[in-house]
Amino acid sequence: MKTQQPIIRDDDEHRVLRFVPRTSSTLPDHPAIPASRTALKPAGDLSHYQQKPEPDDFRHRMLANAAAFAFTALLVGAGIWLAVTLADLRKTQDCVLMGRRDCARIAIQHP
């Protein structure tokens, strides 16, 4: 079995840098961020941004929920009807492709 040897290059393309973890006591002063921006300023009066609570309209919320439920039930019913119709068409098509002649459904009315 052939052993693999590392490729040694003489150029400075690849260097391993020593990782020195920082701790909270040795954080460097960053010259790009001015000290005035790092200092926290107290917030002023924020009542201008406060929203007024809207009254809870229970009737409107229940009507919206009922409409959403009806729409969802309608979508589920349409999906089930479509799946049953496609399965019936597939069954009829398979019957015809097998060469059978009695594939069509004949409705008989009882007197």
C-alpha atoms as a PDB file:
ATOM      1  CA  MET A   1       0.000   0.000   0.000  1.00  0.00           C
ATOM      2  CA  LYS A   2       1.353   3.395  -0.958  1.00  0.00           C
ATOM      3  CA  THR A   3       1.751   5.886   1.876  1.00  0.00           C
ATOM      4  CA  GLN A   4       0.870   9.512   1.327  1.00  0.00           C
ATOM      5  CA  GLN A   5       3.465  12.154   2.035  1.00  0.00           C
ATOM      6  CA  PRO A   6       2.599  15.804   2.583  1.00  0.00           C
ATOM      7  CA  ILE A   7       3.558  18.228  -0.152  1.00  0.00           C
ATOM      8  CA  ILE A   8       6.091  20.708   1.153  1.00  0.00           C
ATOM      9  CA  ARG A   9       6.203  24.110  -0.539  1.00  0.00           C
ATOM     10  CA  ASP A  10       8.772  26.790  -0.019  1.00  0.00           C
ATOM     11  CA  ASP A  11       6.542  29.764  -0.756  1.00  0.00           C
ATOM     12  CA  ASP A  12       4.563  31.782   1.803  1.00  0.00           C
ATOM     13  CA  GLU A  13       1.229  30.888   0.202  1.00  0.00           C
ATOM     14  CA  HIS A  14       0.122  28.755   3.131  1.00  0.00           C
ATOM     15  CA  ARG A  15       0.716  29.831   6.699  1.00  0.00           C
ATOM     16  CA  VAL A  16      -0.692  28.607   9.977  1.00  0.00           C
ATOM     17  CA  LEU A  17      -1.720  31.438  12.258  1.00  0.00           C
ATOM     18  CA  ARG A  18      -1.805  31.041  16.001  1.00  0.00           C
ATOM     19  CA  PHE A  19      -5.292  31.523  17.468  1.00  0.00           C
ATOM     20  CA  VAL A  20      -5.381  33.624  20.609  1.00  0.00           C
ATOM     21  CA  PRO A  21      -8.848  33.695  22.200  1.00  0.00           C
ATOM     22  CA  ARG A  22      -9.987  37.046  23.552  1.00  0.00           C
ATOM     23  CA  THR A  23     -11.421  37.509  26.973  1.00  0.00           C
ATOM     24  CA  SER A  24     -13.586  40.359  28.208  1.00  0.00           C
ATOM     25  CA  SER A  25     -10.653  41.940  30.060  1.00  0.00           C
ATOM     26  CA  THR A  26      -8.428  42.058  26.971  1.00  0.00           C
ATOM     27  CA  LEU A  27     -10.805  43.585  24.408  1.00  0.00           C
ATOM     28  CA  PRO A  28      -8.862  45.902  22.114  1.00  0.00           C
ATOM     29  CA  ASP A  29      -9.942  49.480  21.497  1.00  0.00           C
ATOM     30  CA  HIS A  30     -11.237  49.579  17.959  1.00  0.00           C
ATOM     31  CA  PRO A  31     -10.201  52.826  16.234  1.00  0.00           C
ATOM     32  CA  ALA A  32     -12.948  52.624  13.586  1.00  0.00           C
ATOM     33  CA  ILE A  33     -15.787  53.040  16.116  1.00  0.00           C
ATOM     34  CA  PRO A  34     -15.781  56.399  17.907  1.00  0.00           C
ATOM     35  CA  ALA A  35     -16.272  56.320  21.663  1.00  0.00           C
ATOM     36  CA  SER A  36     -19.351  58.548  21.395  1.00  0.00           C
ATOM     37  CA  ARG A  37     -21.218  55.869  19.432  1.00  0.00           C
ATOM     38  CA  THR A  38     -20.396  53.096  21.871  1.00  0.00           C
ATOM     39  CA  ALA A  39     -21.681  55.005  24.901  1.00  0.00           C
ATOM     40  CA  LEU A  40     -25.306  54.250  25.722  1.00  0.00           C
ATOM     41  CA  LYS A  41     -27.634  57.229  25.816  1.00  0.00           C
ATOM     42  CA  PRO A  42     -30.875  57.126  27.796  1.00  0.00           C
ATOM     43  CA  ALA A  43     -33.981  56.878  25.676  1.00  0.00           C
ATOM     44  CA  GLY A  44     -36.263  59.883  25.618  1.00  0.00           C
ATOM     45  CA  ASP A  45     -40.030  59.921  25.756  1.00  0.00           C
ATOM     46  CA  LEU A  46     -41.279  56.939  23.702  1.00  0.00           C
ATOM     47  CA  SER A  47     -44.984  57.650  24.112  1.00  0.00           C
ATOM     48  CA  HIS A  48     -45.005  59.071  20.580  1.00  0.00           C
ATOM     49  CA  TYR A  49     -44.357  55.549  19.208  1.00  0.00           C
ATOM     50  CA  GLN A  50     -46.808  53.754  21.494  1.00  0.00           C
ATOM     51  CA  GLN A  51     -49.853  52.341  19.720  1.00  0.00           C
ATOM     52  CA  LYS A  52     -53.291  52.742  21.112  1.00  0.00           C
ATOM     53  CA  PRO A  53     -54.938  49.391  21.915  1.00  0.00           C
ATOM     54  CA  GLU A  54     -57.739  48.535  19.508  1.00  0.00           C
ATOM     55  CA  PRO A  55     -60.970  47.169  20.971  1.00  0.00           C
ATOM     56  CA  ASP A  56     -61.442  43.436  20.460  1.00  0.00           C
ATOM     57  CA  ASP A  57     -64.246  42.861  17.961  1.00  0.00           C
ATOM     58  CA  PHE A  58     -65.278  39.314  18.905  1.00  0.00           C
ATOM     59  CA  ARG A  59     -68.127  39.117  16.371  1.00  0.00           C
ATOM     60  CA  HIS A  60     -65.915  40.125  13.449  1.00  0.00           C
ATOM     61  CA  ARG A  61     -63.191  37.686  14.514  1.00  0.00           C
ATOM     62  CA  MET A  62     -65.677  34.785  14.755  1.00  0.00           C
ATOM     63  CA  LEU A  63     -67.156  35.637  11.329  1.00  0.00           C
ATOM     64  CA  ALA A  64     -63.658  35.691   9.824  1.00  0.00           C
ATOM     65  CA  ASN A  65     -62.875  32.325  11.458  1.00  0.00           C
ATOM     66  CA  ALA A  66     -66.134  30.824  10.152  1.00  0.00           C
ATOM     67  CA  ALA A  67     -65.409  32.108   6.633  1.00  0.00           C
ATOM     68  CA  ALA A  68     -61.878  30.675   6.760  1.00  0.00           C
ATOM     69  CA  PHE A  69     -63.223  27.326   7.978  1.00  0.00           C
ATOM     70  CA  ALA A  70     -65.864  27.230   5.212  1.00  0.00           C
ATOM     71  CA  PHE A  71     -63.258  28.066   2.567  1.00  0.00           C
ATOM     72  CA  THR A  72     -60.917  25.371   3.877  1.00  0.00           C
ATOM     73  CA  ALA A  73     -63.741  22.798   3.966  1.00  0.00           C
ATOM     74  CA  LEU A  74     -64.674  23.742   0.396  1.00  0.00           C
ATOM     75  CA  LEU A  75     -61.070  23.265  -0.749  1.00  0.00           C
ATOM     76  CA  VAL A  76     -60.826  19.882   0.988  1.00  0.00           C
ATOM     77  CA  GLY A  77     -64.148  18.749  -0.543  1.00  0.00           C
ATOM     78  CA  ALA A  78     -63.040  19.851  -4.027  1.00  0.00           C
ATOM     79  CA  GLY A  79     -59.737  18.014  -3.572  1.00  0.00           C
ATOM     80  CA  ILE A  80     -61.459  14.791  -2.532  1.00  0.00           C
ATOM     81  CA  TRP A  81     -63.943  15.023  -5.438  1.00  0.00           C
ATOM     82  CA  LEU A  82     -61.067  15.612  -7.878  1.00  0.00           C
ATOM     83  CA  ALA A  83     -59.082  12.651  -6.515  1.00  0.00           C
ATOM     84  CA  VAL A  84     -62.092  10.291  -6.771  1.00  0.00           C
ATOM     85  CA  THR A  85     -62.879  11.477 -10.312  1.00  0.00           C
ATOM     86  CA  LEU A  86     -59.270  11.001 -11.435  1.00  0.00           C
ATOM     87  CA  ALA A  87     -59.146   7.524  -9.886  1.00  0.00           C
ATOM     88  CA  ASP A  88     -62.360   6.565 -11.712  1.00  0.00           C
ATOM     89  CA  LEU A  89     -61.011   7.875 -15.014  1.00  0.00           C
ATOM     90  CA  ARG A  90     -57.747   6.011 -14.484  1.00  0.00           C
ATOM     91  CA  LYS A  91     -59.637   2.786 -13.772  1.00  0.00           C
ATOM     92  CA  THR A  92     -61.703   3.204 -16.946  1.00  0.00           C
ATOM     93  CA  GLN A  93     -58.616   4.016 -19.019  1.00  0.00           C
ATOM     94  CA  ASP A  94     -56.772   0.949 -17.678  1.00  0.00           C
ATOM     95  CA  CYS A  95     -59.768  -1.191 -18.580  1.00  0.00           C
ATOM     96  CA  VAL A  96     -59.838   0.141 -22.150  1.00  0.00           C
ATOM     97  CA  LEU A  97     -56.077  -0.264 -22.571  1.00  0.00           C
ATOM     98  CA  MET A  98     -56.349  -3.931 -21.517  1.00  0.00           C
ATOM     99  CA  GLY A  99     -58.701  -4.513 -24.441  1.00  0.00           C
ATOM    100  CA  ARG A 100     -61.843  -5.181 -22.440  1.00  0.00           C
ATOM    101  CA  ARG A 101     -65.191  -4.128 -23.886  1.00  0.00           C
ATOM    102  CA  ASP A 102     -67.302  -3.813 -20.765  1.00  0.00           C
ATOM    103  CA  CYS A 103     -65.531  -0.762 -19.300  1.00  0.00           C
ATOM    104  CA  ALA A 104     -68.287   1.842 -19.540  1.00  0.00           C
ATOM    105  CA  ARG A 105     -70.630   2.100 -16.620  1.00  0.00           C
ATOM    106  CA  ILE A 106     -74.272   1.680 -17.592  1.00  0.00           C
ATOM    107  CA  ALA A 107     -76.784   3.239 -15.275  1.00  0.00           C
ATOM    108  CA  ILE A 108     -79.945   1.175 -14.857  1.00  0.00           C
ATOM    109  CA  GLN A 109     -83.049   2.906 -13.629  1.00  0.00           C
ATOM    110  CA  HIS A 110     -85.332   0.855 -11.429  1.00  0.00           C
ATOM    111  CA  PRO A 111     -89.087   1.247 -12.098  1.00  0.00           C
END
